[in-house]
N, C-alpha and C. Protein backbone atom coordinates (compact mmCIF):
# COMPACT_ATOMS: atom_id res chain seq x y z
N MET A 1 0.84 -1.33 0.04
CA MET A 1 -0.46 -0.48 -0.05
C MET A 1 0.97 1.29 -0.42
N MET A 2 0.66 2.24 -1.15
CA MET A 2 1.19 3.16 -1.29
C MET A 2 1.05 4.48 0.55
N LEU A 3 1.40 4.93 1.02
CA LEU A 3 1.45 5.60 1.21
C LEU A 3 1.93 7.33 1.55
N SER A 4 1.09 8.40 2.32
CA SER A 4 1.58 9.80 2.14
C SER A 4 2.94 10.26 2.85
N SER A 5 4.01 10.82 2.49
CA SER A 5 4.89 11.16 3.53
C SER A 5 4.78 12.42 4.55
N THR A 6 3.74 12.78 4.16
CA THR A 6 3.22 13.96 4.63
C THR A 6 2.10 13.85 6.14
N ALA A 7 1.97 12.30 6.11
CA ALA A 7 0.97 12.28 7.52
C ALA A 7 1.84 12.03 8.90
N SER A 8 1.14 12.10 9.60
CA SER A 8 2.11 12.31 11.01
C SER A 8 2.10 10.71 11.31
N LYS A 9 2.76 9.99 11.54
CA LYS A 9 3.22 8.86 12.22
C LYS A 9 1.90 8.06 12.59
N GLU A 10 1.10 8.94 13.72
CA GLU A 10 -0.49 8.13 14.06
C GLU A 10 -1.27 7.77 12.83
N GLU A 11 -1.31 8.33 11.62
CA GLU A 11 -1.99 8.54 10.49
C GLU A 11 -1.46 7.51 9.84
N LEU A 12 -0.44 7.27 9.71
CA LEU A 12 0.06 6.33 8.82
C LEU A 12 -0.20 5.12 9.53
N LEU A 13 0.03 4.54 10.84
CA LEU A 13 -0.71 3.28 11.57
C LEU A 13 -2.01 2.99 11.25
N GLU A 14 -2.17 4.16 11.81
CA GLU A 14 -4.07 3.93 11.74
C GLU A 14 -4.71 3.72 10.23
N LYS A 15 -3.92 4.58 9.32
CA LYS A 15 -4.44 3.90 7.93
C LYS A 15 -3.76 2.49 7.21
N LEU A 16 -3.00 2.09 7.80
CA LEU A 16 -2.70 0.76 7.10
C LEU A 16 -3.73 -0.34 8.11
N VAL A 17 -3.48 -0.08 9.19
CA VAL A 17 -4.55 -0.97 9.78
C VAL A 17 -6.02 -0.91 9.84
N CYS A 18 -6.62 0.01 9.39
CA CYS A 18 -7.65 0.56 8.89
C CYS A 18 -7.60 -0.58 7.30
N GLU A 19 -7.17 -0.86 6.76
CA GLU A 19 -6.53 -1.30 4.99
C GLU A 19 -6.47 -3.01 5.48
N LEU A 20 -5.73 -3.23 7.04
CA LEU A 20 -5.68 -4.42 7.27
C LEU A 20 -7.12 -4.96 7.45
N ALA A 21 -7.24 -4.29 8.34
CA ALA A 21 -8.68 -4.90 8.84
C ALA A 21 -9.78 -4.93 7.70
N LYS A 22 -9.45 -3.43 6.66
CA LYS A 22 -11.01 -3.98 5.79
C LYS A 22 -10.08 -5.82 5.05
N GLN A 23 -9.28 -5.68 4.62
CA GLN A 23 -8.63 -6.83 3.76
C GLN A 23 -9.20 -8.48 4.19
N ASN A 24 -9.24 -8.31 5.73
CA ASN A 24 -9.35 -9.43 6.70
C ASN A 24 -11.04 -9.37 7.29
N ASN A 25 -11.73 -7.99 6.88
CA ASN A 25 -12.94 -8.40 7.30
C ASN A 25 -13.24 -8.40 8.96
N ILE A 26 -12.11 -7.25 9.69
CA ILE A 26 -12.69 -6.94 10.87
C ILE A 26 -13.23 -6.05 11.09
N LYS A 27 -14.20 -5.79 11.91
CA LYS A 27 -14.80 -5.14 12.19
C LYS A 27 -14.49 -3.47 13.04
N ASN A 28 -13.90 -4.46 14.25
CA ASN A 28 -13.29 -3.36 15.42
C ASN A 28 -11.93 -3.15 14.97
N TYR A 29 -11.89 -2.90 13.75
CA TYR A 29 -9.94 -1.99 13.91
C TYR A 29 -9.67 -0.93 14.88
N GLN A 30 -10.57 -0.19 15.36
CA GLN A 30 -10.04 0.88 16.31
C GLN A 30 -9.38 0.30 17.40
N TYR A 31 -10.03 -0.83 17.50
CA TYR A 31 -8.90 -1.59 18.54
C TYR A 31 -8.16 -2.02 18.31
N LEU A 32 -7.38 -2.70 16.99
CA LEU A 32 -6.72 -2.83 16.71
C LEU A 32 -5.70 -1.73 16.84
N ALA A 33 -6.29 -0.61 16.28
CA ALA A 33 -5.13 0.47 16.15
C ALA A 33 -5.16 1.41 17.09
N GLN A 34 -5.57 1.15 18.16
CA GLN A 34 -5.10 1.46 20.04
C GLN A 34 -3.95 0.46 20.09
N ALA A 35 -4.32 -0.73 19.60
CA ALA A 35 -3.24 -1.68 20.04
C ALA A 35 -1.71 -1.28 19.46
N ILE A 36 -1.94 -1.33 18.17
CA ILE A 36 -0.43 -0.27 17.96
C ILE A 36 0.39 0.51 18.36
N LEU A 37 -0.80 1.54 18.91
CA LEU A 37 -0.59 3.64 19.01
C LEU A 37 0.11 3.04 20.65
N ASP A 38 -0.91 2.12 21.04
CA ASP A 38 -0.22 1.86 22.74
C ASP A 38 1.35 1.61 22.55
N ARG A 39 2.02 0.28 21.46
CA ARG A 39 2.42 -0.36 21.38
C ARG A 39 3.89 0.24 21.49
N GLU A 40 3.72 1.72 19.95
CA GLU A 40 4.62 2.24 19.69
C GLU A 40 4.55 3.17 20.79
N HIS A 41 3.94 3.93 21.59
CA HIS A 41 4.51 4.85 22.37
C HIS A 41 5.06 4.15 23.64
N GLU A 42 4.95 2.61 23.92
CA GLU A 42 6.37 1.80 24.78
C GLU A 42 7.77 2.46 24.31
N SER A 43 7.64 1.79 22.84
CA SER A 43 8.66 2.03 22.31
C SER A 43 8.77 1.96 20.68
N SER A 44 9.71 3.01 19.94
CA SER A 44 9.37 3.17 18.82
C SER A 44 9.64 1.96 17.90
N THR A 45 8.79 1.52 16.86
CA THR A 45 9.48 0.23 15.91
C THR A 45 9.90 1.06 14.68
N PHE A 46 9.99 2.22 15.13
CA PHE A 46 10.83 3.21 13.44
C PHE A 46 12.42 2.40 13.63
N LEU A 47 12.90 1.60 13.00
CA LEU A 47 14.39 1.34 13.15
C LEU A 47 15.49 2.39 12.02
N PRO A 48 16.43 2.21 12.03
CA PRO A 48 17.79 3.18 11.67
C PRO A 48 17.60 3.15 10.32
N THR A 49 17.40 1.57 10.27
CA THR A 49 17.88 0.91 8.04
C THR A 49 16.56 1.18 7.28
N GLY A 50 15.93 2.10 7.75
CA GLY A 50 14.44 2.57 6.62
C GLY A 50 13.13 1.80 6.54
N ILE A 51 12.89 1.00 7.89
CA ILE A 51 11.92 0.33 7.61
C ILE A 51 11.21 0.49 9.32
N ALA A 52 10.02 0.21 9.56
CA ALA A 52 9.35 0.17 10.70
C ALA A 52 8.54 -1.09 10.70
N ILE A 53 8.57 -1.88 12.08
CA ILE A 53 8.15 -2.87 12.35
C ILE A 53 6.75 -3.06 13.42
N PRO A 54 5.54 -1.74 13.38
CA PRO A 54 4.38 -1.81 14.18
C PRO A 54 4.58 -3.34 14.21
N HIS A 55 4.26 -3.43 15.54
CA HIS A 55 3.31 -4.91 15.98
C HIS A 55 2.52 -5.32 17.34
N ALA A 56 1.62 -5.93 17.27
CA ALA A 56 1.03 -6.20 18.60
C ALA A 56 0.31 -7.48 18.71
N ARG A 57 0.17 -8.22 20.04
CA ARG A 57 -0.13 -9.68 20.28
C ARG A 57 -1.86 -9.11 20.49
N VAL A 58 -2.60 -9.41 19.60
CA VAL A 58 -4.27 -8.85 20.17
C VAL A 58 -5.27 -10.37 20.52
N PRO A 59 -5.74 -10.93 21.15
CA PRO A 59 -6.75 -11.53 21.02
C PRO A 59 -7.71 -11.67 19.60
N ASP A 60 -8.19 -10.74 19.13
CA ASP A 60 -8.89 -10.44 17.80
C ASP A 60 -8.57 -11.25 16.40
N VAL A 61 -7.56 -11.77 16.20
CA VAL A 61 -6.98 -12.31 15.20
C VAL A 61 -6.70 -14.13 15.17
N PRO A 62 -6.92 -14.71 14.15
CA PRO A 62 -6.88 -15.92 14.76
C PRO A 62 -5.08 -16.53 14.46
N GLU A 63 -4.73 -15.39 13.47
CA GLU A 63 -3.22 -16.00 12.58
C GLU A 63 -2.67 -14.62 12.66
N ILE A 64 -1.51 -14.44 12.37
CA ILE A 64 -0.67 -13.40 11.32
C ILE A 64 -1.38 -12.77 10.64
N LEU A 65 -1.42 -11.45 10.82
CA LEU A 65 -2.02 -10.69 9.72
C LEU A 65 -0.80 -9.52 9.37
N LEU A 66 -0.95 -9.64 8.09
CA LEU A 66 0.22 -8.41 8.10
C LEU A 66 0.02 -7.29 6.75
N ILE A 67 0.53 -6.26 7.04
CA ILE A 67 0.26 -5.50 5.22
C ILE A 67 1.47 -4.53 5.85
N MET A 68 2.10 -4.27 4.45
CA MET A 68 3.47 -3.37 4.04
C MET A 68 2.91 -2.51 3.16
N GLY A 69 3.11 -0.79 4.27
CA GLY A 69 3.19 0.37 3.72
C GLY A 69 4.42 0.76 3.18
N VAL A 70 3.92 1.67 2.15
CA VAL A 70 5.28 2.09 0.89
C VAL A 70 5.85 3.65 1.09
N LEU A 71 6.52 4.58 1.77
CA LEU A 71 6.54 5.48 1.88
C LEU A 71 8.06 6.12 0.29
N LYS A 72 7.22 6.40 -0.72
CA LYS A 72 8.65 6.53 -1.52
C LYS A 72 9.13 7.61 -1.33
N GLU A 73 9.13 8.70 -0.64
CA GLU A 73 9.73 10.03 -0.08
C GLU A 73 10.08 9.78 1.16
N GLY A 74 9.90 8.97 1.67
CA GLY A 74 10.16 8.16 3.21
C GLY A 74 9.42 9.19 4.50
N PHE A 75 9.61 9.16 5.19
CA PHE A 75 9.46 9.73 6.63
C PHE A 75 9.95 9.66 7.55
N SER A 76 10.30 10.95 8.47
CA SER A 76 11.42 11.08 9.27
C SER A 76 10.31 11.09 10.71
N GLU A 77 10.48 10.25 11.64
CA GLU A 77 10.07 10.26 12.76
C GLU A 77 10.86 12.09 13.84
N THR A 78 11.65 12.23 13.29
CA THR A 78 11.89 13.33 14.05
C THR A 78 12.82 13.40 13.21
N PRO A 79 13.29 15.03 13.17
CA PRO A 79 13.55 15.92 12.13
C PRO A 79 15.33 15.49 12.13
N GLY A 80 15.73 15.18 10.91
CA GLY A 80 17.29 14.76 11.30
C GLY A 80 17.55 13.35 11.60
N ALA A 81 16.29 12.80 11.48
CA ALA A 81 16.72 10.89 11.65
C ALA A 81 16.57 9.88 10.34
N GLU A 82 17.09 8.99 10.32
CA GLU A 82 17.42 8.61 9.05
C GLU A 82 15.47 8.30 8.89
N LYS A 83 15.68 8.50 7.32
CA LYS A 83 13.93 8.42 6.78
C LYS A 83 13.59 6.92 6.65
N THR A 84 12.50 6.48 6.91
CA THR A 84 11.38 5.53 6.98
C THR A 84 11.10 5.31 5.67
N HIS A 85 11.45 4.45 4.84
CA HIS A 85 10.48 3.69 3.59
C HIS A 85 9.70 2.68 3.59
N LEU A 86 9.50 1.95 4.14
CA LEU A 86 8.90 1.03 4.59
C LEU A 86 7.88 0.70 5.84
N ILE A 87 6.78 0.22 6.19
CA ILE A 87 6.51 -0.34 7.25
C ILE A 87 5.45 -1.04 7.22
N PHE A 88 6.33 -2.23 8.45
CA PHE A 88 5.40 -3.62 8.05
C PHE A 88 4.82 -4.11 9.39
N LEU A 89 3.39 -3.90 9.15
CA LEU A 89 2.32 -3.09 10.74
C LEU A 89 1.73 -5.31 10.51
N PHE A 90 2.17 -5.61 11.60
CA PHE A 90 1.39 -7.04 12.01
C PHE A 90 1.14 -7.11 13.26
N PHE A 91 0.12 -8.09 12.83
CA PHE A 91 -0.59 -8.45 14.78
C PHE A 91 -1.00 -10.06 14.38
N SER A 92 -0.28 -10.70 15.84
CA SER A 92 -0.67 -11.97 15.99
C SER A 92 -1.21 -12.46 17.09
N PRO A 93 -1.71 -13.61 17.25
CA PRO A 93 -2.27 -14.46 18.65
C PRO A 93 -1.78 -13.84 19.53
N ILE A 94 -1.99 -13.96 20.64
CA ILE A 94 -1.73 -13.67 22.13
C ILE A 94 -1.66 -15.39 22.37
N LYS A 95 -2.18 -16.20 21.72
CA LYS A 95 -1.83 -17.83 22.24
C LYS A 95 -0.18 -18.22 22.16
N ASP A 96 0.25 -18.31 23.33
CA ASP A 96 1.88 -19.12 23.56
C ASP A 96 2.31 -20.08 22.34
N LYS A 97 1.36 -20.50 21.99
CA LYS A 97 2.52 -21.10 20.85
C LYS A 97 2.49 -20.22 19.78
N GLU A 98 1.78 -19.22 19.29
CA GLU A 98 1.98 -17.93 18.19
C GLU A 98 3.11 -17.64 18.64
N PHE A 99 3.59 -17.14 19.92
CA PHE A 99 4.80 -16.06 20.31
C PHE A 99 6.00 -16.61 19.40
N GLY A 100 6.23 -17.50 19.36
CA GLY A 100 7.99 -17.67 18.38
C GLY A 100 7.22 -17.71 17.06
N ARG A 101 6.08 -17.65 16.48
CA ARG A 101 6.11 -17.08 14.99
C ARG A 101 5.81 -15.68 15.09
N HIS A 102 5.75 -15.24 15.64
CA HIS A 102 5.45 -13.81 16.22
C HIS A 102 6.91 -13.21 16.13
N LEU A 103 7.81 -14.12 16.94
CA LEU A 103 9.25 -13.10 17.05
C LEU A 103 10.32 -14.08 15.72
N LYS A 104 10.06 -15.04 15.10
CA LYS A 104 10.25 -15.23 13.92
C LYS A 104 10.28 -13.80 13.22
N LEU A 105 8.73 -13.41 12.84
CA LEU A 105 8.58 -12.68 11.84
C LEU A 105 9.44 -11.45 12.01
N LEU A 106 9.32 -10.93 12.68
CA LEU A 106 10.21 -9.98 13.43
C LEU A 106 11.75 -10.06 12.88
N ALA A 107 12.29 -11.34 13.17
CA ALA A 107 13.45 -11.19 13.23
C ALA A 107 13.87 -11.51 11.24
N ARG A 108 12.50 -12.27 10.62
CA ARG A 108 13.25 -12.40 9.25
C ARG A 108 13.32 -10.74 8.64
N ILE A 109 11.63 -10.47 8.53
CA ILE A 109 12.00 -8.89 8.16
C ILE A 109 13.41 -7.78 8.56
N SER A 110 13.95 -8.00 10.09
CA SER A 110 15.09 -7.10 10.08
C SER A 110 15.83 -7.54 9.62
N SER A 111 16.73 -8.98 9.31
CA SER A 111 17.08 -9.89 8.31
C SER A 111 17.21 -9.56 6.91
N ILE A 112 16.10 -9.00 6.65
CA ILE A 112 16.23 -9.19 5.20
C ILE A 112 16.48 -7.80 4.73
N PHE A 113 15.67 -6.30 5.70
CA PHE A 113 16.25 -5.27 5.01
C PHE A 113 17.11 -4.50 6.96
N ARG A 114 18.14 -5.51 6.93
CA ARG A 114 18.99 -4.66 7.37
C ARG A 114 20.03 -3.74 6.43
N ASP A 115 20.03 -4.01 5.53
CA ASP A 115 20.83 -2.94 4.57
C ASP A 115 19.74 -1.84 4.69
N PRO A 116 20.06 -0.72 4.61
CA PRO A 116 19.14 0.51 4.30
C PRO A 116 18.92 0.95 2.89
N SER A 117 19.60 0.21 2.23
CA SER A 117 19.73 0.27 0.94
C SER A 117 18.61 0.10 0.45
N PHE A 118 18.37 -1.53 0.79
CA PHE A 118 17.61 -2.23 -0.12
C PHE A 118 15.59 -1.70 0.62
N ALA A 119 15.82 -0.98 1.50
CA ALA A 119 14.01 -0.39 1.68
C ALA A 119 13.90 1.00 0.60
N LYS A 120 14.95 1.56 0.40
CA LYS A 120 15.33 2.55 -0.11
C LYS A 120 14.63 2.07 -1.51
N GLU A 121 15.12 1.09 -2.03
CA GLU A 121 15.37 0.12 -3.44
C GLU A 121 13.55 -0.55 -3.41
N ILE A 122 13.24 -0.67 -2.48
CA ILE A 122 11.84 -1.15 -2.48
C ILE A 122 10.55 0.26 -2.47
N ALA A 123 11.18 1.16 -2.18
CA ALA A 123 9.95 2.20 -1.78
C ALA A 123 10.06 2.54 -3.05
N SER A 124 11.10 2.43 -4.18
CA SER A 124 11.32 3.37 -5.51
C SER A 124 10.48 2.65 -6.49
N ILE A 125 9.46 1.01 -6.35
CA ILE A 125 9.53 0.23 -7.26
C ILE A 125 7.54 0.54 -7.40
N LYS A 126 6.87 0.63 -8.14
CA LYS A 126 5.73 0.76 -8.45
C LYS A 126 4.42 -0.12 -8.30
N SER A 127 4.90 -1.68 -8.42
CA SER A 127 4.53 -2.84 -8.77
C SER A 127 4.77 -3.70 -7.38
N ALA A 128 3.38 -4.09 -6.69
CA ALA A 128 3.56 -4.65 -5.75
C ALA A 128 3.68 -6.17 -6.01
N GLU A 129 3.37 -6.83 -7.51
CA GLU A 129 4.02 -7.93 -7.63
C GLU A 129 5.83 -7.93 -7.94
N GLU A 130 6.26 -7.22 -8.24
CA GLU A 130 7.98 -6.45 -8.17
C GLU A 130 8.36 -6.53 -7.01
N ILE A 131 7.84 -5.47 -5.89
CA ILE A 131 8.65 -5.74 -4.61
C ILE A 131 8.48 -6.80 -4.24
N PHE A 132 7.37 -7.78 -3.95
CA PHE A 132 7.36 -9.38 -3.42
C PHE A 132 8.27 -9.57 -3.91
N SER A 133 8.35 -9.97 -5.32
CA SER A 133 9.35 -11.02 -6.02
C SER A 133 10.75 -10.43 -5.41
N LEU A 134 11.15 -8.92 -5.51
CA LEU A 134 12.78 -8.64 -4.88
C LEU A 134 12.67 -9.37 -3.59
N ILE A 135 11.73 -9.29 -2.37
CA ILE A 135 11.83 -9.39 -1.45
C ILE A 135 12.15 -10.80 -1.08
N GLN A 136 11.03 -11.50 -1.69
CA GLN A 136 11.27 -12.91 -2.13
C GLN A 136 12.82 -13.38 -2.32
N HIS A 137 13.33 -12.68 -3.58
CA HIS A 137 14.54 -12.85 -3.82
C HIS A 137 15.79 -12.48 -2.70
N LYS A 138 15.46 -11.96 -1.58
CA LYS A 138 16.46 -11.20 -1.00
C LYS A 138 16.71 -12.37 0.12
N GLU A 139 15.38 -12.91 0.32
CA GLU A 139 15.55 -13.84 1.77
C GLU A 139 15.74 -15.10 1.08
N ARG A 140 15.77 -15.49 -0.06
CA ARG A 140 16.75 -16.73 -0.71
C ARG A 140 18.15 -16.32 -0.98
N GLU A 141 18.49 -15.05 -1.08
CA GLU A 141 19.84 -14.78 -0.90
C GLU A 141 20.42 -15.01 0.96
N ASN A 142 19.47 -14.75 1.59
CA ASN A 142 20.31 -14.88 3.16
C ASN A 142 20.04 -16.10 3.82
N ILE A 143 19.07 -16.77 3.10
CA ILE A 143 19.15 -18.11 3.44
C ILE A 143 20.16 -19.04 3.14
N GLU A 144 21.11 -18.43 1.77
CA GLU A 144 22.31 -19.30 1.44
C GLU A 144 23.34 -18.90 1.99
N GLU A 145 22.79 -17.58 2.68
CA GLU A 145 24.44 -16.93 3.33
C GLU A 145 25.43 -18.12 4.66
């Protein structure tokens, strides 16, 4: 999903939550948005590698739900900070058995995007299919290392 770099951090996150809820037929997206904002207020998930990984564990989802937002021009949480080009927002169930999957997803995203230039490269691509293909290719490279 393409996002506007002029929006506030809260607006960006709420827009992603709303779209994710819409795609997954979740009615109470306000609860999910509040869960993400509460988690973000605890500690920012905007990383210096050009990505953000806002996430929350909630009882209302049966499995991990993820959406990616693209900020072509980048977004700075604070003036002078590195620009964020990609936001990977996800929710996972509270069930203990799902916590391992939650942590693995965080680790995989961080691993794939450890090079800040990769986030910028992805943000410059217009096609969702091409973005997905490039991420898959990068993930395969990481596995082979």
